[in-house]
């Protein structure tokens, strides 16, 4: 957020997309929570 990687003119598209992937990687806890809780929502709560 501080480096403004998505709008920075000093970074190429390749750099931006790779740094986006670096940031998105750390959203794994949210991804895994959804992967675990989605079947529980169906099987346990209907």
ModelCIF file with pLDDT and N, C-alpha, C, O atoms, coordinates in Angstrom:
data_MODEL
#
_entry.id   MODEL 
#
_entity.id                         1 
_entity.type                       polymer 
_entity.pdbx_number_of_molecules   1 
#
_entity_poly.entity_id                      1 
_entity_poly.type                           'polypeptide(L)' 
_entity_poly.nstd_linkage                   no 
_entity_poly.nstd_monomer                   no 
_entity_poly.pdbx_seq_one_letter_code       
;(UNK)(UNK)(UNK)(UNK)(UNK)(UNK)(UNK)(UNK)(UNK)(UNK)(UNK)(UNK)(UNK)(UNK)(UNK)(UNK)
(UNK)(UNK)(UNK)(UNK)(UNK)(UNK)(UNK)(UNK)(UNK)(UNK)(UNK)(UNK)(UNK)(UNK)(UNK)(UNK)
(UNK)(UNK)(UNK)(UNK)(UNK)(UNK)(UNK)(UNK)(UNK)(UNK)(UNK)(UNK)(UNK)(UNK)
;
_entity_poly.pdbx_seq_one_letter_code_can   XXXXXXXXXXXXXXXXXXXXXXXXXXXXXXXXXXXXXXXXXXXXXX 
_entity_poly.pdbx_strand_id                 A 
#
loop_
_entity_poly_seq.entity_id 
_entity_poly_seq.num 
_entity_poly_seq.mon_id 
_entity_poly_seq.hetero 
1 1  UNK n 
1 2  UNK n 
1 3  UNK n 
1 4  UNK n 
1 5  UNK n 
1 6  UNK n 
1 7  UNK n 
1 8  UNK n 
1 9  UNK n 
1 10 UNK n 
1 11 UNK n 
1 12 UNK n 
1 13 UNK n 
1 14 UNK n 
1 15 UNK n 
1 16 UNK n 
1 17 UNK n 
1 18 UNK n 
1 19 UNK n 
1 20 UNK n 
1 21 UNK n 
1 22 UNK n 
1 23 UNK n 
1 24 UNK n 
1 25 UNK n 
1 26 UNK n 
1 27 UNK n 
1 28 UNK n 
1 29 UNK n 
1 30 UNK n 
1 31 UNK n 
1 32 UNK n 
1 33 UNK n 
1 34 UNK n 
1 35 UNK n 
1 36 UNK n 
1 37 UNK n 
1 38 UNK n 
1 39 UNK n 
1 40 UNK n 
1 41 UNK n 
1 42 UNK n 
1 43 UNK n 
1 44 UNK n 
1 45 UNK n 
1 46 UNK n 
#
_struct_asym.id          A 
_struct_asym.entity_id   1 
#
loop_
_ma_qa_metric.id 
_ma_qa_metric.mode 
_ma_qa_metric.name 
_ma_qa_metric.software_group_id 
_ma_qa_metric.type 
1 global pLDDT . pLDDT 
2 local  pLDDT . pLDDT 
#
_ma_qa_metric_global.metric_id      1 
_ma_qa_metric_global.metric_value   92.37 
_ma_qa_metric_global.model_id       1 
_ma_qa_metric_global.ordinal_id     1 
#
loop_
_ma_qa_metric_local.label_asym_id 
_ma_qa_metric_local.label_comp_id 
_ma_qa_metric_local.label_seq_id 
_ma_qa_metric_local.metric_id 
_ma_qa_metric_local.metric_value 
_ma_qa_metric_local.model_id 
_ma_qa_metric_local.ordinal_id 
A UNK 1  2 92.00 1 1  
A UNK 2  2 92.00 1 2  
A UNK 3  2 93.00 1 3  
A UNK 4  2 92.00 1 4  
A UNK 5  2 92.00 1 5  
A UNK 6  2 91.00 1 6  
A UNK 7  2 91.00 1 7  
A UNK 8  2 92.00 1 8  
A UNK 9  2 93.00 1 9  
A UNK 10 2 95.00 1 10 
A UNK 11 2 95.00 1 11 
A UNK 12 2 94.00 1 12 
A UNK 13 2 94.00 1 13 
A UNK 14 2 93.00 1 14 
A UNK 15 2 95.00 1 15 
A UNK 16 2 95.00 1 16 
A UNK 17 2 95.00 1 17 
A UNK 18 2 94.00 1 18 
A UNK 19 2 95.00 1 19 
A UNK 20 2 94.00 1 20 
A UNK 21 2 93.00 1 21 
A UNK 22 2 93.00 1 22 
A UNK 23 2 94.00 1 23 
A UNK 24 2 93.00 1 24 
A UNK 25 2 92.00 1 25 
A UNK 26 2 94.00 1 26 
A UNK 27 2 94.00 1 27 
A UNK 28 2 92.00 1 28 
A UNK 29 2 93.00 1 29 
A UNK 30 2 93.00 1 30 
A UNK 31 2 93.00 1 31 
A UNK 32 2 92.00 1 32 
A UNK 33 2 93.00 1 33 
A UNK 34 2 92.00 1 34 
A UNK 35 2 91.00 1 35 
A UNK 36 2 91.00 1 36 
A UNK 37 2 90.00 1 37 
A UNK 38 2 91.00 1 38 
A UNK 39 2 90.00 1 39 
A UNK 40 2 91.00 1 40 
A UNK 41 2 91.00 1 41 
A UNK 42 2 89.00 1 42 
A UNK 43 2 89.00 1 43 
A UNK 44 2 90.00 1 44 
A UNK 45 2 90.00 1 45 
A UNK 46 2 88.00 1 46 
#
loop_
_atom_site.group_PDB 
_atom_site.id 
_atom_site.type_symbol 
_atom_site.label_atom_id 
_atom_site.label_alt_id 
_atom_site.label_comp_id 
_atom_site.label_asym_id 
_atom_site.label_entity_id 
_atom_site.label_seq_id 
_atom_site.pdbx_PDB_ins_code 
_atom_site.Cartn_x 
_atom_site.Cartn_y 
_atom_site.Cartn_z 
_atom_site.occupancy 
_atom_site.B_iso_or_equiv 
_atom_site.pdbx_formal_charge 
_atom_site.auth_seq_id 
_atom_site.auth_comp_id 
_atom_site.auth_asym_id 
_atom_site.auth_atom_id 
_atom_site.pdbx_PDB_model_num 
ATOM 1   N N  . UNK A 1 1  ? 0.835   -1.204  0.000   1.00 92.00 ? 1  UNK A N  1 
ATOM 2   C CA . UNK A 1 1  ? 0.000   0.000   0.000   1.00 92.00 ? 1  UNK A CA 1 
ATOM 3   C C  . UNK A 1 1  ? 0.869   1.253   0.000   1.00 92.00 ? 1  UNK A C  1 
ATOM 4   O O  . UNK A 1 1  ? 0.596   2.197   -0.741  1.00 92.00 ? 1  UNK A O  1 
ATOM 5   N N  . UNK A 1 2  ? 1.912   1.269   0.824   1.00 92.00 ? 2  UNK A N  1 
ATOM 6   C CA . UNK A 1 2  ? 2.791   2.444   0.920   1.00 92.00 ? 2  UNK A CA 1 
ATOM 7   C C  . UNK A 1 2  ? 3.609   2.656   -0.350  1.00 92.00 ? 2  UNK A C  1 
ATOM 8   O O  . UNK A 1 2  ? 3.868   3.793   -0.745  1.00 92.00 ? 2  UNK A O  1 
ATOM 9   N N  . UNK A 1 3  ? 4.016   1.558   -0.986  1.00 93.00 ? 3  UNK A N  1 
ATOM 10  C CA . UNK A 1 3  ? 4.819   1.657   -2.215  1.00 93.00 ? 3  UNK A CA 1 
ATOM 11  C C  . UNK A 1 3  ? 3.967   1.970   -3.445  1.00 93.00 ? 3  UNK A C  1 
ATOM 12  O O  . UNK A 1 3  ? 4.496   2.264   -4.517  1.00 93.00 ? 3  UNK A O  1 
ATOM 13  N N  . UNK A 1 4  ? 2.634   1.903   -3.280  1.00 92.00 ? 4  UNK A N  1 
ATOM 14  C CA . UNK A 1 4  ? 1.705   2.156   -4.389  1.00 92.00 ? 4  UNK A CA 1 
ATOM 15  C C  . UNK A 1 4  ? 2.110   1.363   -5.628  1.00 92.00 ? 4  UNK A C  1 
ATOM 16  O O  . UNK A 1 4  ? 2.275   1.908   -6.720  1.00 92.00 ? 4  UNK A O  1 
ATOM 17  N N  . UNK A 1 5  ? 2.261   0.076   -5.420  1.00 92.00 ? 5  UNK A N  1 
ATOM 18  C CA . UNK A 1 5  ? 2.801   -0.753  -6.505  1.00 92.00 ? 5  UNK A CA 1 
ATOM 19  C C  . UNK A 1 5  ? 1.882   -0.808  -7.724  1.00 92.00 ? 5  UNK A C  1 
ATOM 20  O O  . UNK A 1 5  ? 2.364   -0.998  -8.841  1.00 92.00 ? 5  UNK A O  1 
ATOM 21  N N  . UNK A 1 6  ? 0.582   -0.647  -7.537  1.00 91.00 ? 6  UNK A N  1 
ATOM 22  C CA . UNK A 1 6  ? -0.340  -0.767  -8.668  1.00 91.00 ? 6  UNK A CA 1 
ATOM 23  C C  . UNK A 1 6  ? -0.345  0.473   -9.558  1.00 91.00 ? 6  UNK A C  1 
ATOM 24  O O  . UNK A 1 6  ? -0.673  0.385   -10.741 1.00 91.00 ? 6  UNK A O  1 
ATOM 25  N N  . UNK A 1 7  ? 0.012   1.618   -9.002  1.00 91.00 ? 7  UNK A N  1 
ATOM 26  C CA . UNK A 1 7  ? -0.033  2.863   -9.783  1.00 91.00 ? 7  UNK A CA 1 
ATOM 27  C C  . UNK A 1 7  ? 1.353   3.454   -10.047 1.00 91.00 ? 7  UNK A C  1 
ATOM 28  O O  . UNK A 1 7  ? 1.478   4.445   -10.766 1.00 91.00 ? 7  UNK A O  1 
ATOM 29  N N  . UNK A 1 8  ? 2.382   2.855   -9.475  1.00 92.00 ? 8  UNK A N  1 
ATOM 30  C CA . UNK A 1 8  ? 3.727   3.407   -9.615  1.00 92.00 ? 8  UNK A CA 1 
ATOM 31  C C  . UNK A 1 8  ? 4.207   3.365   -11.064 1.00 92.00 ? 8  UNK A C  1 
ATOM 32  O O  . UNK A 1 8  ? 4.140   2.323   -11.715 1.00 92.00 ? 8  UNK A O  1 
ATOM 33  N N  . UNK A 1 9  ? 4.689   4.496   -11.560 1.00 93.00 ? 9  UNK A N  1 
ATOM 34  C CA . UNK A 1 9  ? 5.225   4.571   -12.914 1.00 93.00 ? 9  UNK A CA 1 
ATOM 35  C C  . UNK A 1 9  ? 6.631   3.974   -12.994 1.00 93.00 ? 9  UNK A C  1 
ATOM 36  O O  . UNK A 1 9  ? 7.115   3.667   -14.083 1.00 93.00 ? 9  UNK A O  1 
ATOM 37  N N  . UNK A 1 10 ? 7.282   3.810   -11.843 1.00 95.00 ? 10 UNK A N  1 
ATOM 38  C CA . UNK A 1 10 ? 8.648   3.276   -11.826 1.00 95.00 ? 10 UNK A CA 1 
ATOM 39  C C  . UNK A 1 10 ? 8.689   1.754   -11.941 1.00 95.00 ? 10 UNK A C  1 
ATOM 40  O O  . UNK A 1 10 ? 9.755   1.177   -12.157 1.00 95.00 ? 10 UNK A O  1 
ATOM 41  N N  . UNK A 1 11 ? 7.540   1.104   -11.800 1.00 95.00 ? 11 UNK A N  1 
ATOM 42  C CA . UNK A 1 11 ? 7.483   -0.353  -11.892 1.00 95.00 ? 11 UNK A CA 1 
ATOM 43  C C  . UNK A 1 11 ? 6.844   -0.775  -13.207 1.00 95.00 ? 11 UNK A C  1 
ATOM 44  O O  . UNK A 1 11 ? 5.868   -0.177  -13.657 1.00 95.00 ? 11 UNK A O  1 
ATOM 45  N N  . UNK A 1 12 ? 7.407   -1.813  -13.816 1.00 94.00 ? 12 UNK A N  1 
ATOM 46  C CA . UNK A 1 12 ? 6.849   -2.351  -15.062 1.00 94.00 ? 12 UNK A CA 1 
ATOM 47  C C  . UNK A 1 12 ? 5.614   -3.197  -14.748 1.00 94.00 ? 12 UNK A C  1 
ATOM 48  O O  . UNK A 1 12 ? 5.327   -3.492  -13.588 1.00 94.00 ? 12 UNK A O  1 
ATOM 49  N N  . UNK A 1 13 ? 4.892   -3.579  -15.799 1.00 94.00 ? 13 UNK A N  1 
ATOM 50  C CA . UNK A 1 13 ? 3.714   -4.431  -15.596 1.00 94.00 ? 13 UNK A CA 1 
ATOM 51  C C  . UNK A 1 13 ? 4.117   -5.752  -14.966 1.00 94.00 ? 13 UNK A C  1 
ATOM 52  O O  . UNK A 1 13 ? 3.437   -6.253  -14.070 1.00 94.00 ? 13 UNK A O  1 
ATOM 53  N N  . UNK A 1 14 ? 5.239   -6.326  -15.442 1.00 93.00 ? 14 UNK A N  1 
ATOM 54  C CA . UNK A 1 14 ? 5.711   -7.589  -14.882 1.00 93.00 ? 14 UNK A CA 1 
ATOM 55  C C  . UNK A 1 14 ? 6.018   -7.479  -13.404 1.00 93.00 ? 14 UNK A C  1 
ATOM 56  O O  . UNK A 1 14 ? 5.703   -8.390  -12.638 1.00 93.00 ? 14 UNK A O  1 
ATOM 57  N N  . UNK A 1 15 ? 6.628   -6.379  -12.988 1.00 95.00 ? 15 UNK A N  1 
ATOM 58  C CA . UNK A 1 15 ? 6.916   -6.170  -11.576 1.00 95.00 ? 15 UNK A CA 1 
ATOM 59  C C  . UNK A 1 15 ? 5.623   -5.998  -10.776 1.00 95.00 ? 15 UNK A C  1 
ATOM 60  O O  . UNK A 1 15 ? 5.482   -6.559  -9.689  1.00 95.00 ? 15 UNK A O  1 
ATOM 61  N N  . UNK A 1 16 ? 4.691   -5.230  -11.312 1.00 95.00 ? 16 UNK A N  1 
ATOM 62  C CA . UNK A 1 16 ? 3.430   -5.004  -10.604 1.00 95.00 ? 16 UNK A CA 1 
ATOM 63  C C  . UNK A 1 16 ? 2.663   -6.298  -10.388 1.00 95.00 ? 16 UNK A C  1 
ATOM 64  O O  . UNK A 1 16 ? 2.161   -6.550  -9.292  1.00 95.00 ? 16 UNK A O  1 
ATOM 65  N N  . UNK A 1 17 ? 2.570   -7.122  -11.431 1.00 95.00 ? 17 UNK A N  1 
ATOM 66  C CA . UNK A 1 17 ? 1.795   -8.355  -11.308 1.00 95.00 ? 17 UNK A CA 1 
ATOM 67  C C  . UNK A 1 17 ? 2.470   -9.326  -10.357 1.00 95.00 ? 17 UNK A C  1 
ATOM 68  O O  . UNK A 1 17 ? 1.794   -10.072 -9.649  1.00 95.00 ? 17 UNK A O  1 
ATOM 69  N N  . UNK A 1 18 ? 3.806   -9.325  -10.332 1.00 94.00 ? 18 UNK A N  1 
ATOM 70  C CA . UNK A 1 18 ? 4.519   -10.212 -9.408  1.00 94.00 ? 18 UNK A CA 1 
ATOM 71  C C  . UNK A 1 18 ? 4.401   -9.735  -7.972  1.00 94.00 ? 18 UNK A C  1 
ATOM 72  O O  . UNK A 1 18 ? 4.276   -10.548 -7.056  1.00 94.00 ? 18 UNK A O  1 
ATOM 73  N N  . UNK A 1 19 ? 4.440   -8.420  -7.767  1.00 95.00 ? 19 UNK A N  1 
ATOM 74  C CA . UNK A 1 19 ? 4.262   -7.923  -6.400  1.00 95.00 ? 19 UNK A CA 1 
ATOM 75  C C  . UNK A 1 19 ? 2.816   -8.059  -5.951  1.00 95.00 ? 19 UNK A C  1 
ATOM 76  O O  . UNK A 1 19 ? 2.547   -8.233  -4.763  1.00 95.00 ? 19 UNK A O  1 
ATOM 77  N N  . UNK A 1 20 ? 1.881   -7.978  -6.900  1.00 94.00 ? 20 UNK A N  1 
ATOM 78  C CA . UNK A 1 20 ? 0.496   -8.295  -6.546  1.00 94.00 ? 20 UNK A CA 1 
ATOM 79  C C  . UNK A 1 20 ? 0.396   -9.734  -6.061  1.00 94.00 ? 20 UNK A C  1 
ATOM 80  O O  . UNK A 1 20 ? -0.273  -10.007 -5.064  1.00 94.00 ? 20 UNK A O  1 
ATOM 81  N N  . UNK A 1 21 ? 1.060   -10.659 -6.761  1.00 93.00 ? 21 UNK A N  1 
ATOM 82  C CA . UNK A 1 21 ? 1.040   -12.070 -6.359  1.00 93.00 ? 21 UNK A CA 1 
ATOM 83  C C  . UNK A 1 21 ? 1.681   -12.253 -4.987  1.00 93.00 ? 21 UNK A C  1 
ATOM 84  O O  . UNK A 1 21 ? 1.235   -13.083 -4.195  1.00 93.00 ? 21 UNK A O  1 
ATOM 85  N N  . UNK A 1 22 ? 2.733   -11.474 -4.706  1.00 93.00 ? 22 UNK A N  1 
ATOM 86  C CA . UNK A 1 22 ? 3.386   -11.555 -3.394  1.00 93.00 ? 22 UNK A CA 1 
ATOM 87  C C  . UNK A 1 22 ? 2.431   -11.140 -2.286  1.00 93.00 ? 22 UNK A C  1 
ATOM 88  O O  . UNK A 1 22 ? 2.397   -11.755 -1.220  1.00 93.00 ? 22 UNK A O  1 
ATOM 89  N N  . UNK A 1 23 ? 1.657   -10.097 -2.544  1.00 94.00 ? 23 UNK A N  1 
ATOM 90  C CA . UNK A 1 23 ? 0.704   -9.613  -1.540  1.00 94.00 ? 23 UNK A CA 1 
ATOM 91  C C  . UNK A 1 23 ? -0.463  -10.593 -1.403  1.00 94.00 ? 23 UNK A C  1 
ATOM 92  O O  . UNK A 1 23 ? -0.886  -10.923 -0.295  1.00 94.00 ? 23 UNK A O  1 
ATOM 93  N N  . UNK A 1 24 ? -0.969  -11.048 -2.542  1.00 93.00 ? 24 UNK A N  1 
ATOM 94  C CA . UNK A 1 24 ? -2.113  -11.963 -2.510  1.00 93.00 ? 24 UNK A CA 1 
ATOM 95  C C  . UNK A 1 24 ? -1.762  -13.269 -1.808  1.00 93.00 ? 24 UNK A C  1 
ATOM 96  O O  . UNK A 1 24 ? -2.625  -13.891 -1.189  1.00 93.00 ? 24 UNK A O  1 
ATOM 97  N N  . UNK A 1 25 ? -0.509  -13.687 -1.899  1.00 92.00 ? 25 UNK A N  1 
ATOM 98  C CA . UNK A 1 25 ? -0.086  -14.911 -1.227  1.00 92.00 ? 25 UNK A CA 1 
ATOM 99  C C  . UNK A 1 25 ? -0.406  -14.852 0.267   1.00 92.00 ? 25 UNK A C  1 
ATOM 100 O O  . UNK A 1 25 ? -0.792  -15.860 0.859   1.00 92.00 ? 25 UNK A O  1 
ATOM 101 N N  . UNK A 1 26 ? -0.249  -13.687 0.870   1.00 94.00 ? 26 UNK A N  1 
ATOM 102 C CA . UNK A 1 26 ? -0.468  -13.567 2.301   1.00 94.00 ? 26 UNK A CA 1 
ATOM 103 C C  . UNK A 1 26 ? -1.936  -13.512 2.679   1.00 94.00 ? 26 UNK A C  1 
ATOM 104 O O  . UNK A 1 26 ? -2.278  -13.403 3.857   1.00 94.00 ? 26 UNK A O  1 
ATOM 105 N N  . UNK A 1 27 ? -2.815  -13.589 1.668   1.00 94.00 ? 27 UNK A N  1 
ATOM 106 C CA . UNK A 1 27 ? -4.234  -13.741 1.948   1.00 94.00 ? 27 UNK A CA 1 
ATOM 107 C C  . UNK A 1 27 ? -4.628  -15.209 2.014   1.00 94.00 ? 27 UNK A C  1 
ATOM 108 O O  . UNK A 1 27 ? -5.816  -15.531 2.024   1.00 94.00 ? 27 UNK A O  1 
ATOM 109 N N  . UNK A 1 28 ? -3.652  -16.095 2.060   1.00 92.00 ? 28 UNK A N  1 
ATOM 110 C CA . UNK A 1 28 ? -3.903  -17.528 2.188   1.00 92.00 ? 28 UNK A CA 1 
ATOM 111 C C  . UNK A 1 28 ? -4.785  -17.850 3.399   1.00 92.00 ? 28 UNK A C  1 
ATOM 112 O O  . UNK A 1 28 ? -5.632  -18.737 3.293   1.00 92.00 ? 28 UNK A O  1 
ATOM 113 N N  . UNK A 1 29 ? -4.627  -17.165 4.558   1.00 93.00 ? 29 UNK A N  1 
ATOM 114 C CA . UNK A 1 29 ? -5.520  -17.462 5.688   1.00 93.00 ? 29 UNK A CA 1 
ATOM 115 C C  . UNK A 1 29 ? -6.996  -17.267 5.356   1.00 93.00 ? 29 UNK A C  1 
ATOM 116 O O  . UNK A 1 29 ? -7.847  -18.042 5.792   1.00 93.00 ? 29 UNK A O  1 
ATOM 117 N N  . UNK A 1 30 ? -7.291  -16.225 4.579   1.00 93.00 ? 30 UNK A N  1 
ATOM 118 C CA . UNK A 1 30 ? -8.681  -15.987 4.196   1.00 93.00 ? 30 UNK A CA 1 
ATOM 119 C C  . UNK A 1 30 ? -9.139  -17.032 3.190   1.00 93.00 ? 30 UNK A C  1 
ATOM 120 O O  . UNK A 1 30 ? -10.261 -17.534 3.266   1.00 93.00 ? 30 UNK A O  1 
ATOM 121 N N  . UNK A 1 31 ? -8.257  -17.355 2.243   1.00 93.00 ? 31 UNK A N  1 
ATOM 122 C CA . UNK A 1 31 ? -8.592  -18.396 1.266   1.00 93.00 ? 31 UNK A CA 1 
ATOM 123 C C  . UNK A 1 31 ? -8.882  -19.717 1.966   1.00 93.00 ? 31 UNK A C  1 
ATOM 124 O O  . UNK A 1 31 ? -9.892  -20.367 1.697   1.00 93.00 ? 31 UNK A O  1 
ATOM 125 N N  . UNK A 1 32 ? -7.981  -20.108 2.870   1.00 92.00 ? 32 UNK A N  1 
ATOM 126 C CA . UNK A 1 32 ? -8.147  -21.396 3.545   1.00 92.00 ? 32 UNK A CA 1 
ATOM 127 C C  . UNK A 1 32 ? -9.387  -21.398 4.442   1.00 92.00 ? 32 UNK A C  1 
ATOM 128 O O  . UNK A 1 32 ? -10.062 -22.421 4.559   1.00 92.00 ? 32 UNK A O  1 
ATOM 129 N N  . UNK A 1 33 ? -9.688  -20.272 5.071   1.00 93.00 ? 33 UNK A N  1 
ATOM 130 C CA . UNK A 1 33 ? -10.891 -20.192 5.893   1.00 93.00 ? 33 UNK A CA 1 
ATOM 131 C C  . UNK A 1 33 ? -12.130 -20.447 5.049   1.00 93.00 ? 33 UNK A C  1 
ATOM 132 O O  . UNK A 1 33 ? -13.029 -21.181 5.460   1.00 93.00 ? 33 UNK A O  1 
ATOM 133 N N  . UNK A 1 34 ? -12.177 -19.839 3.868   1.00 92.00 ? 34 UNK A N  1 
ATOM 134 C CA . UNK A 1 34 ? -13.330 -20.030 2.983   1.00 92.00 ? 34 UNK A CA 1 
ATOM 135 C C  . UNK A 1 34 ? -13.409 -21.464 2.479   1.00 92.00 ? 34 UNK A C  1 
ATOM 136 O O  . UNK A 1 34 ? -14.494 -22.035 2.375   1.00 92.00 ? 34 UNK A O  1 
ATOM 137 N N  . UNK A 1 35 ? -12.242 -22.047 2.164   1.00 91.00 ? 35 UNK A N  1 
ATOM 138 C CA . UNK A 1 35 ? -12.236 -23.433 1.681   1.00 91.00 ? 35 UNK A CA 1 
ATOM 139 C C  . UNK A 1 35 ? -12.713 -24.400 2.765   1.00 91.00 ? 35 UNK A C  1 
ATOM 140 O O  . UNK A 1 35 ? -13.370 -25.398 2.467   1.00 91.00 ? 35 UNK A O  1 
ATOM 141 N N  . UNK A 1 36 ? -12.380 -24.100 4.022   1.00 91.00 ? 36 UNK A N  1 
ATOM 142 C CA . UNK A 1 36 ? -12.789 -24.967 5.129   1.00 91.00 ? 36 UNK A CA 1 
ATOM 143 C C  . UNK A 1 36 ? -14.247 -24.716 5.513   1.00 91.00 ? 36 UNK A C  1 
ATOM 144 O O  . UNK A 1 36 ? -15.004 -25.659 5.744   1.00 91.00 ? 36 UNK A O  1 
ATOM 145 N N  . UNK A 1 37 ? -14.636 -23.444 5.580   1.00 90.00 ? 37 UNK A N  1 
ATOM 146 C CA . UNK A 1 37 ? -15.936 -23.106 6.138   1.00 90.00 ? 37 UNK A CA 1 
ATOM 147 C C  . UNK A 1 37 ? -17.083 -23.243 5.136   1.00 90.00 ? 37 UNK A C  1 
ATOM 148 O O  . UNK A 1 37 ? -18.238 -23.383 5.539   1.00 90.00 ? 37 UNK A O  1 
ATOM 149 N N  . UNK A 1 38 ? -16.779 -23.204 3.843   1.00 91.00 ? 38 UNK A N  1 
ATOM 150 C CA . UNK A 1 38 ? -17.850 -23.330 2.848   1.00 91.00 ? 38 UNK A CA 1 
ATOM 151 C C  . UNK A 1 38 ? -18.591 -24.664 2.958   1.00 91.00 ? 38 UNK A C  1 
ATOM 152 O O  . UNK A 1 38 ? -19.820 -24.662 3.022   1.00 91.00 ? 38 UNK A O  1 
ATOM 153 N N  . UNK A 1 39 ? -17.890 -25.803 2.981   1.00 90.00 ? 39 UNK A N  1 
ATOM 154 C CA . UNK A 1 39 ? -18.623 -27.062 3.164   1.00 90.00 ? 39 UNK A CA 1 
ATOM 155 C C  . UNK A 1 39 ? -19.303 -27.168 4.521   1.00 90.00 ? 39 UNK A C  1 
ATOM 156 O O  . UNK A 1 39 ? -20.339 -27.823 4.640   1.00 90.00 ? 39 UNK A O  1 
ATOM 157 N N  . UNK A 1 40 ? -18.730 -26.526 5.560   1.00 91.00 ? 40 UNK A N  1 
ATOM 158 C CA . UNK A 1 40 ? -19.367 -26.532 6.879   1.00 91.00 ? 40 UNK A CA 1 
ATOM 159 C C  . UNK A 1 40 ? -20.676 -25.738 6.830   1.00 91.00 ? 40 UNK A C  1 
ATOM 160 O O  . UNK A 1 40 ? -21.670 -26.134 7.440   1.00 91.00 ? 40 UNK A O  1 
ATOM 161 N N  . UNK A 1 41 ? -20.671 -24.618 6.102   1.00 91.00 ? 41 UNK A N  1 
ATOM 162 C CA . UNK A 1 41 ? -21.899 -23.827 5.949   1.00 91.00 ? 41 UNK A CA 1 
ATOM 163 C C  . UNK A 1 41 ? -23.016 -24.657 5.337   1.00 91.00 ? 41 UNK A C  1 
ATOM 164 O O  . UNK A 1 41 ? -24.180 -24.534 5.718   1.00 91.00 ? 41 UNK A O  1 
ATOM 165 N N  . UNK A 1 42 ? -22.644 -25.513 4.375   1.00 89.00 ? 42 UNK A N  1 
ATOM 166 C CA . UNK A 1 42 ? -23.651 -26.348 3.719   1.00 89.00 ? 42 UNK A CA 1 
ATOM 167 C C  . UNK A 1 42 ? -24.056 -27.535 4.582   1.00 89.00 ? 42 UNK A C  1 
ATOM 168 O O  . UNK A 1 42 ? -25.237 -27.758 4.849   1.00 89.00 ? 42 UNK A O  1 
ATOM 169 N N  . UNK A 1 43 ? -23.038 -28.301 5.018   1.00 89.00 ? 43 UNK A N  1 
ATOM 170 C CA . UNK A 1 43 ? -23.331 -29.546 5.724   1.00 89.00 ? 43 UNK A CA 1 
ATOM 171 C C  . UNK A 1 43 ? -23.886 -29.316 7.121   1.00 89.00 ? 43 UNK A C  1 
ATOM 172 O O  . UNK A 1 43 ? -24.769 -30.053 7.560   1.00 89.00 ? 43 UNK A O  1 
ATOM 173 N N  . UNK A 1 44 ? -23.384 -28.307 7.829   1.00 90.00 ? 44 UNK A N  1 
ATOM 174 C CA . UNK A 1 44 ? -23.772 -28.090 9.222   1.00 90.00 ? 44 UNK A CA 1 
ATOM 175 C C  . UNK A 1 44 ? -24.927 -27.111 9.366   1.00 90.00 ? 44 UNK A C  1 
ATOM 176 O O  . UNK A 1 44 ? -25.813 -27.305 10.198  1.00 90.00 ? 44 UNK A O  1 
ATOM 177 N N  . UNK A 1 45 ? -24.916 -26.047 8.545   1.00 90.00 ? 45 UNK A N  1 
ATOM 178 C CA . UNK A 1 45 ? -25.920 -24.993 8.705   1.00 90.00 ? 45 UNK A CA 1 
ATOM 179 C C  . UNK A 1 45 ? -26.943 -24.947 7.573   1.00 90.00 ? 45 UNK A C  1 
ATOM 180 O O  . UNK A 1 45 ? -27.912 -24.192 7.652   1.00 90.00 ? 45 UNK A O  1 
ATOM 181 N N  . UNK A 1 46 ? -26.744 -25.739 6.523   1.00 88.00 ? 46 UNK A N  1 
ATOM 182 C CA . UNK A 1 46 ? -27.748 -25.862 5.476   1.00 88.00 ? 46 UNK A CA 1 
ATOM 183 C C  . UNK A 1 46 ? -27.759 -24.789 4.419   1.00 88.00 ? 46 UNK A C  1 
ATOM 184 O O  . UNK A 1 46 ? -28.582 -24.831 3.504   1.00 88.00 ? 46 UNK A O  1 
#
